[in-house]
Amino acid sequence: MTYAEFFYEVKNKFMGTDVSDIKEHLAYQFCIEDEEAGGAFYVEVKDGQLFVEPYEYYDRDAMFISDPDTLMKIAEGKTDPVWAFTTQKLKVEGNIDKALRLKEIIDMKQKEAKKKK
């Protein structure tokens, strides 16, 4: 899988997630460590909206570093990001309190997916 394919798959999983309950600004950069799919993208919550873009975000709150398989499992809700961090499959740099809010965004996405079923 190429970086572009990986990025658009992750973006499609998150776009449309209702984050209107999150009032603070959150900015996360994801660094994918892989020869084929390697690269960076960011997820930002701003003014109650979610943005996922294929760029580095220098003014980020936290940065997540992992292989593409782990990041995809986190995005799909199959792997808990806290567990991935604990087992050293996910590295985290930056504001840990804000980094933990990523799970909240993933949980919101999961709730919406269940409602659609």
N, C-alpha and C. Protein backbone atom coordinates (compact mmCIF):
# COMPACT_ATOMS: atom_id res chain seq x y z
N MET A 1 0.85 -1.18 0.00
CA MET A 1 0.00 0.00 0.00
C MET A 1 0.89 1.24 0.00
N THR A 2 0.57 2.20 -0.83
CA THR A 2 1.35 3.43 -0.88
C THR A 2 0.90 4.39 0.21
N TYR A 3 1.68 5.44 0.42
CA TYR A 3 1.30 6.46 1.40
C TYR A 3 -0.05 7.07 1.05
N ALA A 4 -0.25 7.43 -0.21
CA ALA A 4 -1.51 8.06 -0.64
C ALA A 4 -2.70 7.15 -0.37
N GLU A 5 -2.56 5.87 -0.69
CA GLU A 5 -3.65 4.92 -0.44
C GLU A 5 -3.94 4.81 1.05
N PHE A 6 -2.88 4.71 1.84
CA PHE A 6 -3.03 4.61 3.29
C PHE A 6 -3.72 5.86 3.84
N PHE A 7 -3.22 7.03 3.44
CA PHE A 7 -3.78 8.28 3.94
C PHE A 7 -5.28 8.39 3.62
N TYR A 8 -5.65 8.14 2.38
CA TYR A 8 -7.05 8.30 1.99
C TYR A 8 -7.95 7.27 2.67
N GLU A 9 -7.43 6.10 2.96
CA GLU A 9 -8.22 5.11 3.69
C GLU A 9 -8.49 5.59 5.12
N VAL A 10 -7.45 6.12 5.77
CA VAL A 10 -7.62 6.65 7.13
C VAL A 10 -8.55 7.86 7.10
N LYS A 11 -8.35 8.75 6.14
CA LYS A 11 -9.19 9.95 6.05
C LYS A 11 -10.65 9.56 5.88
N ASN A 12 -10.94 8.60 5.03
CA ASN A 12 -12.32 8.18 4.82
C ASN A 12 -12.94 7.58 6.08
N LYS A 13 -12.13 6.97 6.92
CA LYS A 13 -12.63 6.40 8.16
C LYS A 13 -13.05 7.49 9.15
N PHE A 14 -12.38 8.64 9.11
CA PHE A 14 -12.65 9.68 10.09
C PHE A 14 -13.54 10.81 9.62
N MET A 15 -13.56 11.08 8.34
CA MET A 15 -14.33 12.23 7.86
C MET A 15 -15.81 12.02 8.19
N GLY A 16 -16.43 13.09 8.62
CA GLY A 16 -17.84 13.03 8.98
C GLY A 16 -18.07 12.72 10.45
N THR A 17 -17.00 12.43 11.20
CA THR A 17 -17.16 12.17 12.63
C THR A 17 -17.61 13.45 13.31
N ASP A 18 -18.65 13.34 14.11
CA ASP A 18 -19.19 14.50 14.82
C ASP A 18 -18.34 14.77 16.05
N VAL A 19 -17.55 15.82 15.98
CA VAL A 19 -16.70 16.22 17.10
C VAL A 19 -17.16 17.55 17.70
N SER A 20 -18.41 17.88 17.46
CA SER A 20 -18.94 19.18 17.91
C SER A 20 -18.92 19.32 19.43
N ASP A 21 -18.85 18.19 20.16
CA ASP A 21 -18.78 18.25 21.63
C ASP A 21 -17.39 18.63 22.13
N ILE A 22 -16.39 18.54 21.26
CA ILE A 22 -15.02 18.88 21.67
C ILE A 22 -14.82 20.38 21.41
N LYS A 23 -14.70 21.12 22.47
CA LYS A 23 -14.62 22.59 22.36
C LYS A 23 -13.20 23.10 22.25
N GLU A 24 -12.23 22.31 22.67
CA GLU A 24 -10.84 22.78 22.60
C GLU A 24 -10.22 22.42 21.25
N HIS A 25 -9.13 23.09 20.93
CA HIS A 25 -8.39 22.81 19.70
C HIS A 25 -7.44 21.65 19.97
N LEU A 26 -7.47 20.64 19.10
CA LEU A 26 -6.56 19.49 19.19
C LEU A 26 -5.88 19.32 17.85
N ALA A 27 -4.59 19.11 17.87
CA ALA A 27 -3.84 18.89 16.62
C ALA A 27 -2.86 17.75 16.83
N TYR A 28 -3.01 16.72 16.00
CA TYR A 28 -2.16 15.54 16.08
C TYR A 28 -1.45 15.30 14.77
N GLN A 29 -0.20 14.96 14.86
CA GLN A 29 0.52 14.53 13.66
C GLN A 29 0.78 13.04 13.80
N PHE A 30 0.60 12.32 12.70
CA PHE A 30 0.85 10.90 12.65
C PHE A 30 2.02 10.66 11.71
N CYS A 31 3.04 9.98 12.18
CA CYS A 31 4.20 9.64 11.37
C CYS A 31 4.17 8.13 11.14
N ILE A 32 4.12 7.77 9.88
CA ILE A 32 4.05 6.37 9.50
C ILE A 32 5.45 5.90 9.15
N GLU A 33 5.92 4.90 9.86
CA GLU A 33 7.25 4.35 9.62
C GLU A 33 7.14 3.12 8.74
N ASP A 34 7.38 3.31 7.43
CA ASP A 34 7.28 2.21 6.48
C ASP A 34 7.95 2.66 5.19
N GLU A 35 8.62 1.75 4.50
CA GLU A 35 9.28 2.12 3.25
C GLU A 35 8.30 2.54 2.17
N GLU A 36 7.19 1.80 2.02
CA GLU A 36 6.22 2.12 0.98
C GLU A 36 5.21 3.17 1.42
N ALA A 37 4.63 2.98 2.60
CA ALA A 37 3.54 3.84 3.04
C ALA A 37 4.00 4.93 4.01
N GLY A 38 5.30 5.12 4.13
CA GLY A 38 5.82 6.09 5.08
C GLY A 38 5.47 7.51 4.72
N GLY A 39 5.28 8.32 5.73
CA GLY A 39 4.93 9.72 5.54
C GLY A 39 4.27 10.26 6.78
N ALA A 40 3.70 11.45 6.64
CA ALA A 40 3.04 12.09 7.78
C ALA A 40 1.72 12.69 7.34
N PHE A 41 0.79 12.76 8.30
CA PHE A 41 -0.47 13.46 8.08
C PHE A 41 -0.94 13.98 9.42
N TYR A 42 -1.93 14.85 9.39
CA TYR A 42 -2.43 15.36 10.66
C TYR A 42 -3.93 15.26 10.76
N VAL A 43 -4.38 15.22 12.02
CA VAL A 43 -5.79 15.25 12.37
C VAL A 43 -5.95 16.44 13.30
N GLU A 44 -6.91 17.30 12.97
CA GLU A 44 -7.12 18.51 13.77
C GLU A 44 -8.60 18.65 14.09
N VAL A 45 -8.88 19.01 15.34
CA VAL A 45 -10.23 19.37 15.75
C VAL A 45 -10.19 20.86 16.02
N LYS A 46 -11.00 21.59 15.25
CA LYS A 46 -11.00 23.04 15.36
C LYS A 46 -12.42 23.54 15.15
N ASP A 47 -12.90 24.34 16.08
CA ASP A 47 -14.24 24.91 16.00
C ASP A 47 -15.31 23.83 15.79
N GLY A 48 -15.15 22.69 16.47
CA GLY A 48 -16.14 21.63 16.39
C GLY A 48 -16.13 20.83 15.10
N GLN A 49 -15.09 20.99 14.29
CA GLN A 49 -14.98 20.25 13.04
C GLN A 49 -13.69 19.43 13.03
N LEU A 50 -13.72 18.34 12.27
CA LEU A 50 -12.56 17.46 12.16
C LEU A 50 -11.94 17.61 10.79
N PHE A 51 -10.63 17.77 10.78
CA PHE A 51 -9.88 17.89 9.53
C PHE A 51 -8.81 16.80 9.52
N VAL A 52 -8.62 16.17 8.38
CA VAL A 52 -7.57 15.17 8.19
C VAL A 52 -6.86 15.54 6.90
N GLU A 53 -5.58 15.90 7.01
CA GLU A 53 -4.85 16.41 5.84
C GLU A 53 -3.48 15.74 5.72
N PRO A 54 -2.99 15.60 4.48
CA PRO A 54 -1.72 14.88 4.25
C PRO A 54 -0.48 15.76 4.39
N TYR A 55 -0.37 16.45 5.49
CA TYR A 55 0.77 17.35 5.70
C TYR A 55 1.29 17.17 7.11
N GLU A 56 2.50 17.65 7.34
CA GLU A 56 3.02 17.72 8.70
C GLU A 56 2.38 18.91 9.38
N TYR A 57 2.24 18.84 10.69
CA TYR A 57 1.62 19.91 11.47
C TYR A 57 2.62 20.29 12.55
N TYR A 58 3.28 21.41 12.35
CA TYR A 58 4.37 21.79 13.24
C TYR A 58 3.92 22.33 14.58
N ASP A 59 2.71 22.88 14.65
CA ASP A 59 2.20 23.43 15.91
C ASP A 59 1.26 22.42 16.57
N ARG A 60 1.66 21.18 16.57
CA ARG A 60 0.82 20.08 17.05
C ARG A 60 0.86 19.97 18.57
N ASP A 61 -0.18 19.33 19.09
CA ASP A 61 -0.23 19.03 20.52
C ASP A 61 0.53 17.74 20.83
N ALA A 62 0.42 16.78 19.90
CA ALA A 62 1.07 15.49 20.11
C ALA A 62 1.40 14.87 18.76
N MET A 63 2.40 14.01 18.78
CA MET A 63 2.78 13.29 17.57
C MET A 63 2.77 11.79 17.90
N PHE A 64 2.15 11.03 17.00
CA PHE A 64 2.08 9.58 17.13
C PHE A 64 2.95 8.96 16.04
N ILE A 65 3.78 8.01 16.42
CA ILE A 65 4.71 7.37 15.49
C ILE A 65 4.48 5.86 15.56
N SER A 66 4.25 5.26 14.39
CA SER A 66 4.00 3.83 14.37
C SER A 66 4.10 3.29 12.95
N ASP A 67 3.99 1.97 12.84
CA ASP A 67 3.93 1.34 11.53
C ASP A 67 2.49 1.47 11.00
N PRO A 68 2.29 1.32 9.70
CA PRO A 68 0.95 1.52 9.13
C PRO A 68 -0.09 0.54 9.65
N ASP A 69 0.29 -0.70 9.92
CA ASP A 69 -0.67 -1.69 10.39
C ASP A 69 -1.26 -1.28 11.74
N THR A 70 -0.41 -0.86 12.66
CA THR A 70 -0.88 -0.45 13.98
C THR A 70 -1.77 0.78 13.87
N LEU A 71 -1.35 1.77 13.07
CA LEU A 71 -2.17 2.98 12.92
C LEU A 71 -3.53 2.67 12.30
N MET A 72 -3.57 1.76 11.35
CA MET A 72 -4.84 1.41 10.73
C MET A 72 -5.76 0.72 11.73
N LYS A 73 -5.19 -0.18 12.53
CA LYS A 73 -6.00 -0.86 13.55
C LYS A 73 -6.53 0.12 14.58
N ILE A 74 -5.76 1.14 14.92
CA ILE A 74 -6.23 2.18 15.84
C ILE A 74 -7.37 2.96 15.17
N ALA A 75 -7.18 3.34 13.92
CA ALA A 75 -8.21 4.10 13.19
C ALA A 75 -9.51 3.31 13.06
N GLU A 76 -9.40 2.00 12.90
CA GLU A 76 -10.57 1.15 12.75
C GLU A 76 -11.23 0.83 14.09
N GLY A 77 -10.57 1.20 15.18
CA GLY A 77 -11.11 0.89 16.51
C GLY A 77 -10.81 -0.53 16.96
N LYS A 78 -9.94 -1.23 16.25
CA LYS A 78 -9.59 -2.61 16.60
C LYS A 78 -8.48 -2.68 17.63
N THR A 79 -7.71 -1.61 17.75
CA THR A 79 -6.62 -1.55 18.72
C THR A 79 -6.77 -0.27 19.54
N ASP A 80 -6.72 -0.43 20.85
CA ASP A 80 -6.80 0.72 21.75
C ASP A 80 -5.46 1.47 21.70
N PRO A 81 -5.47 2.78 21.44
CA PRO A 81 -4.20 3.51 21.36
C PRO A 81 -3.40 3.47 22.66
N VAL A 82 -4.08 3.41 23.80
CA VAL A 82 -3.36 3.33 25.08
C VAL A 82 -2.63 1.99 25.18
N TRP A 83 -3.30 0.92 24.76
CA TRP A 83 -2.67 -0.40 24.74
C TRP A 83 -1.47 -0.41 23.78
N ALA A 84 -1.65 0.19 22.60
CA ALA A 84 -0.57 0.23 21.61
C ALA A 84 0.64 0.98 22.18
N PHE A 85 0.39 2.05 22.92
CA PHE A 85 1.47 2.80 23.55
C PHE A 85 2.15 1.95 24.63
N THR A 86 1.34 1.30 25.45
CA THR A 86 1.86 0.48 26.55
C THR A 86 2.73 -0.66 26.04
N THR A 87 2.36 -1.22 24.90
CA THR A 87 3.12 -2.34 24.32
C THR A 87 4.20 -1.87 23.35
N GLN A 88 4.42 -0.57 23.31
CA GLN A 88 5.46 0.08 22.50
C GLN A 88 5.26 -0.10 20.99
N LYS A 89 4.02 -0.30 20.57
CA LYS A 89 3.71 -0.34 19.14
C LYS A 89 3.42 1.07 18.63
N LEU A 90 3.19 1.98 19.56
CA LEU A 90 2.88 3.37 19.25
C LEU A 90 3.74 4.26 20.14
N LYS A 91 4.49 5.16 19.52
CA LYS A 91 5.28 6.13 20.28
C LYS A 91 4.49 7.44 20.30
N VAL A 92 4.56 8.14 21.41
CA VAL A 92 3.84 9.40 21.55
C VAL A 92 4.80 10.46 22.05
N GLU A 93 4.78 11.62 21.39
CA GLU A 93 5.58 12.76 21.82
C GLU A 93 4.64 13.95 21.99
N GLY A 94 4.91 14.79 22.96
CA GLY A 94 4.11 15.99 23.14
C GLY A 94 3.23 15.92 24.37
N ASN A 95 2.11 16.61 24.32
CA ASN A 95 1.18 16.75 25.43
C ASN A 95 0.39 15.45 25.61
N ILE A 96 0.71 14.69 26.65
CA ILE A 96 0.08 13.39 26.86
C ILE A 96 -1.42 13.54 27.16
N ASP A 97 -1.80 14.57 27.91
CA ASP A 97 -3.22 14.76 28.21
C ASP A 97 -4.03 14.93 26.92
N LYS A 98 -3.50 15.74 26.01
CA LYS A 98 -4.21 15.94 24.74
C LYS A 98 -4.10 14.71 23.86
N ALA A 99 -3.00 13.99 23.94
CA ALA A 99 -2.84 12.76 23.17
C ALA A 99 -3.90 11.74 23.56
N LEU A 100 -4.22 11.68 24.84
CA LEU A 100 -5.23 10.73 25.31
C LEU A 100 -6.62 11.04 24.75
N ARG A 101 -6.84 12.27 24.31
CA ARG A 101 -8.14 12.64 23.73
C ARG A 101 -8.37 11.98 22.37
N LEU A 102 -7.31 11.44 21.75
CA LEU A 102 -7.48 10.73 20.49
C LEU A 102 -8.47 9.58 20.66
N LYS A 103 -8.40 8.90 21.79
CA LYS A 103 -9.33 7.80 22.05
C LYS A 103 -10.77 8.30 22.04
N GLU A 104 -11.00 9.48 22.54
CA GLU A 104 -12.34 10.08 22.54
C GLU A 104 -12.86 10.25 21.11
N ILE A 105 -12.00 10.71 20.22
CA ILE A 105 -12.39 10.89 18.82
C ILE A 105 -12.70 9.54 18.18
N ILE A 106 -11.87 8.55 18.45
CA ILE A 106 -12.10 7.21 17.91
C ILE A 106 -13.40 6.64 18.45
N ASP A 107 -13.66 6.83 19.74
CA ASP A 107 -14.91 6.34 20.34
C ASP A 107 -16.12 7.02 19.71
N MET A 108 -16.02 8.32 19.42
CA MET A 108 -17.13 9.03 18.76
C MET A 108 -17.41 8.42 17.39
N LYS A 109 -16.35 8.11 16.68
CA LYS A 109 -16.50 7.51 15.35
C LYS A 109 -17.17 6.15 15.47
N GLN A 110 -16.76 5.36 16.46
CA GLN A 110 -17.33 4.03 16.66
C GLN A 110 -18.82 4.11 17.00
N LYS A 111 -19.21 5.06 17.85
CA LYS A 111 -20.62 5.24 18.21
C LYS A 111 -21.46 5.57 16.97
N GLU A 112 -20.93 6.45 16.13
CA GLU A 112 -21.65 6.83 14.91
C GLU A 112 -21.80 5.64 13.98
N ALA A 113 -20.76 4.82 13.88
CA ALA A 113 -20.82 3.64 13.01
C ALA A 113 -21.88 2.66 13.51
N LYS A 114 -21.98 2.50 14.82
CA LYS A 114 -22.99 1.59 15.39
C LYS A 114 -24.40 2.11 15.15
N LYS A 115 -24.59 3.43 15.21
CA LYS A 115 -25.91 4.02 14.98
C LYS A 115 -26.37 3.79 13.55
N LYS A 116 -25.42 3.79 12.60
CA LYS A 116 -25.76 3.60 11.20
C LYS A 116 -26.17 2.17 10.87
N LYS A 117 -25.78 1.22 11.73
CA LYS A 117 -26.09 -0.20 11.46
C LYS A 117 -27.52 -0.52 11.73
